[in-house]
Amino acid sequence: MPQTSHTKAADAHEAAVKMHRSAADEHAKGDHKAGLEHAEKAVKLSKEAQERGTGAHAKSKSAAH
């Protein structure tokens, strides 16, 4: 399947979810420093994923017109 702006946005969201899960796992193990670092990375990835998703949506709307 070719990489479209939508699939790239979905991939970015999946990476953010994995990082959020990693942060939760680290916190559950009691490693709060690593958990916090992973949580900060997860937030950054989430913001990037949101930007990609917004861009993909804008591209598809403009292509439809």
N, C-alpha and C. Protein backbone atom coordinates (compact mmCIF):
# COMPACT_ATOMS: atom_id res chain seq x y z
N MET A 1 0.85 -1.18 0.00
CA MET A 1 0.00 0.00 0.00
C MET A 1 0.90 1.24 0.00
N PRO A 2 0.64 2.18 -0.89
CA PRO A 2 1.46 3.39 -0.93
C PRO A 2 1.25 4.25 0.32
N GLN A 3 2.32 4.94 0.70
CA GLN A 3 2.25 5.84 1.85
C GLN A 3 1.56 7.13 1.43
N THR A 4 0.39 7.36 1.96
CA THR A 4 -0.31 8.62 1.72
C THR A 4 -0.16 9.47 2.97
N SER A 5 -0.62 10.69 2.90
CA SER A 5 -0.55 11.54 4.09
C SER A 5 -1.38 10.96 5.22
N HIS A 6 -2.45 10.24 4.88
CA HIS A 6 -3.28 9.62 5.92
C HIS A 6 -2.56 8.45 6.58
N THR A 7 -1.89 7.60 5.79
CA THR A 7 -1.19 6.47 6.39
C THR A 7 0.01 6.94 7.20
N LYS A 8 0.66 8.01 6.76
CA LYS A 8 1.77 8.57 7.54
C LYS A 8 1.26 9.12 8.87
N ALA A 9 0.10 9.74 8.85
CA ALA A 9 -0.50 10.25 10.09
C ALA A 9 -0.86 9.09 11.01
N ALA A 10 -1.41 8.03 10.44
CA ALA A 10 -1.77 6.85 11.24
C ALA A 10 -0.52 6.22 11.87
N ASP A 11 0.56 6.14 11.10
CA ASP A 11 1.81 5.60 11.63
C ASP A 11 2.33 6.45 12.78
N ALA A 12 2.21 7.76 12.64
CA ALA A 12 2.66 8.66 13.71
C ALA A 12 1.81 8.47 14.96
N HIS A 13 0.52 8.28 14.80
CA HIS A 13 -0.36 8.03 15.95
C HIS A 13 0.01 6.71 16.63
N GLU A 14 0.30 5.68 15.84
CA GLU A 14 0.68 4.39 16.41
C GLU A 14 1.97 4.50 17.20
N ALA A 15 2.94 5.27 16.71
CA ALA A 15 4.19 5.47 17.43
C ALA A 15 3.94 6.17 18.76
N ALA A 16 3.05 7.14 18.75
CA ALA A 16 2.72 7.86 19.98
C ALA A 16 2.06 6.93 20.99
N VAL A 17 1.15 6.08 20.52
CA VAL A 17 0.48 5.13 21.41
C VAL A 17 1.50 4.18 22.03
N LYS A 18 2.43 3.68 21.23
CA LYS A 18 3.46 2.77 21.75
C LYS A 18 4.29 3.46 22.83
N MET A 19 4.61 4.73 22.61
CA MET A 19 5.41 5.46 23.60
C MET A 19 4.59 5.69 24.87
N HIS A 20 3.31 5.98 24.74
CA HIS A 20 2.44 6.13 25.92
C HIS A 20 2.40 4.82 26.71
N ARG A 21 2.29 3.70 26.01
CA ARG A 21 2.27 2.39 26.68
C ARG A 21 3.60 2.12 27.38
N SER A 22 4.69 2.49 26.74
CA SER A 22 6.01 2.31 27.34
C SER A 22 6.12 3.14 28.62
N ALA A 23 5.61 4.35 28.58
CA ALA A 23 5.64 5.21 29.77
C ALA A 23 4.83 4.57 30.89
N ALA A 24 3.68 4.03 30.56
CA ALA A 24 2.84 3.38 31.57
C ALA A 24 3.54 2.16 32.15
N ASP A 25 4.20 1.38 31.30
CA ASP A 25 4.93 0.20 31.78
C ASP A 25 6.06 0.59 32.72
N GLU A 26 6.80 1.63 32.36
CA GLU A 26 7.91 2.08 33.22
C GLU A 26 7.38 2.55 34.57
N HIS A 27 6.30 3.29 34.57
CA HIS A 27 5.71 3.74 35.83
C HIS A 27 5.25 2.54 36.66
N ALA A 28 4.65 1.56 36.02
CA ALA A 28 4.17 0.37 36.73
C ALA A 28 5.33 -0.40 37.38
N LYS A 29 6.49 -0.37 36.73
CA LYS A 29 7.67 -1.05 37.27
C LYS A 29 8.31 -0.24 38.39
N GLY A 30 7.88 1.01 38.55
CA GLY A 30 8.45 1.87 39.59
C GLY A 30 9.58 2.75 39.09
N ASP A 31 9.89 2.68 37.79
CA ASP A 31 10.95 3.52 37.23
C ASP A 31 10.31 4.81 36.73
N HIS A 32 10.11 5.72 37.66
CA HIS A 32 9.38 6.94 37.33
C HIS A 32 10.17 7.89 36.43
N LYS A 33 11.50 7.88 36.55
CA LYS A 33 12.31 8.74 35.69
C LYS A 33 12.15 8.31 34.22
N ALA A 34 12.30 7.02 33.96
CA ALA A 34 12.14 6.52 32.59
C ALA A 34 10.70 6.72 32.13
N GLY A 35 9.76 6.50 33.03
CA GLY A 35 8.35 6.71 32.68
C GLY A 35 8.07 8.13 32.28
N LEU A 36 8.65 9.07 33.01
CA LEU A 36 8.46 10.48 32.69
C LEU A 36 9.10 10.83 31.35
N GLU A 37 10.30 10.31 31.11
CA GLU A 37 10.97 10.57 29.83
C GLU A 37 10.13 10.02 28.67
N HIS A 38 9.61 8.82 28.84
CA HIS A 38 8.77 8.24 27.78
C HIS A 38 7.47 9.01 27.62
N ALA A 39 6.92 9.48 28.72
CA ALA A 39 5.68 10.27 28.65
C ALA A 39 5.92 11.57 27.88
N GLU A 40 7.06 12.22 28.14
CA GLU A 40 7.38 13.47 27.43
C GLU A 40 7.55 13.20 25.93
N LYS A 41 8.22 12.10 25.59
CA LYS A 41 8.38 11.74 24.17
C LYS A 41 7.02 11.43 23.55
N ALA A 42 6.16 10.76 24.33
CA ALA A 42 4.83 10.41 23.83
C ALA A 42 4.02 11.65 23.52
N VAL A 43 4.11 12.66 24.38
CA VAL A 43 3.37 13.90 24.14
C VAL A 43 3.88 14.57 22.87
N LYS A 44 5.20 14.58 22.69
CA LYS A 44 5.78 15.18 21.48
C LYS A 44 5.31 14.42 20.23
N LEU A 45 5.34 13.10 20.31
CA LEU A 45 4.87 12.29 19.17
C LEU A 45 3.39 12.52 18.90
N SER A 46 2.61 12.66 19.96
CA SER A 46 1.17 12.91 19.80
C SER A 46 0.92 14.22 19.08
N LYS A 47 1.68 15.26 19.45
CA LYS A 47 1.53 16.56 18.80
C LYS A 47 1.90 16.47 17.32
N GLU A 48 3.01 15.77 17.03
CA GLU A 48 3.42 15.60 15.64
C GLU A 48 2.38 14.81 14.85
N ALA A 49 1.82 13.79 15.48
CA ALA A 49 0.79 12.98 14.82
C ALA A 49 -0.45 13.81 14.53
N GLN A 50 -0.81 14.65 15.48
CA GLN A 50 -1.98 15.51 15.29
C GLN A 50 -1.75 16.47 14.13
N GLU A 51 -0.54 17.04 14.05
CA GLU A 51 -0.22 17.94 12.94
C GLU A 51 -0.29 17.21 11.60
N ARG A 52 0.23 15.99 11.57
CA ARG A 52 0.18 15.21 10.33
C ARG A 52 -1.26 14.90 9.95
N GLY A 53 -2.06 14.54 10.95
CA GLY A 53 -3.46 14.23 10.69
C GLY A 53 -4.23 15.43 10.18
N THR A 54 -3.97 16.58 10.78
CA THR A 54 -4.63 17.81 10.34
C THR A 54 -4.22 18.14 8.91
N GLY A 55 -2.93 17.98 8.62
CA GLY A 55 -2.44 18.24 7.26
C GLY A 55 -3.03 17.27 6.26
N ALA A 56 -3.14 16.01 6.64
CA ALA A 56 -3.72 15.01 5.74
C ALA A 56 -5.18 15.31 5.47
N HIS A 57 -5.89 15.73 6.50
CA HIS A 57 -7.31 16.05 6.33
C HIS A 57 -7.47 17.26 5.41
N ALA A 58 -6.62 18.26 5.59
CA ALA A 58 -6.70 19.46 4.75
C ALA A 58 -6.40 19.10 3.29
N LYS A 59 -5.40 18.23 3.08
CA LYS A 59 -5.06 17.82 1.71
C LYS A 59 -6.22 17.08 1.06
N SER A 60 -6.86 16.19 1.80
CA SER A 60 -7.95 15.42 1.20
C SER A 60 -9.17 16.29 0.94
N LYS A 61 -9.42 17.28 1.80
CA LYS A 61 -10.55 18.19 1.57
C LYS A 61 -10.30 19.03 0.33
N SER A 62 -9.07 19.53 0.17
CA SER A 62 -8.79 20.38 -0.99
C SER A 62 -8.80 19.55 -2.28
N ALA A 63 -8.42 18.29 -2.20
CA ALA A 63 -8.44 17.43 -3.38
C ALA A 63 -9.87 17.10 -3.80
N ALA A 64 -10.77 17.09 -2.84
CA ALA A 64 -12.17 16.77 -3.13
C ALA A 64 -12.88 17.91 -3.85
N HIS A 65 -12.34 19.10 -3.73
CA HIS A 65 -13.00 20.25 -4.36
C HIS A 65 -12.47 20.52 -5.72
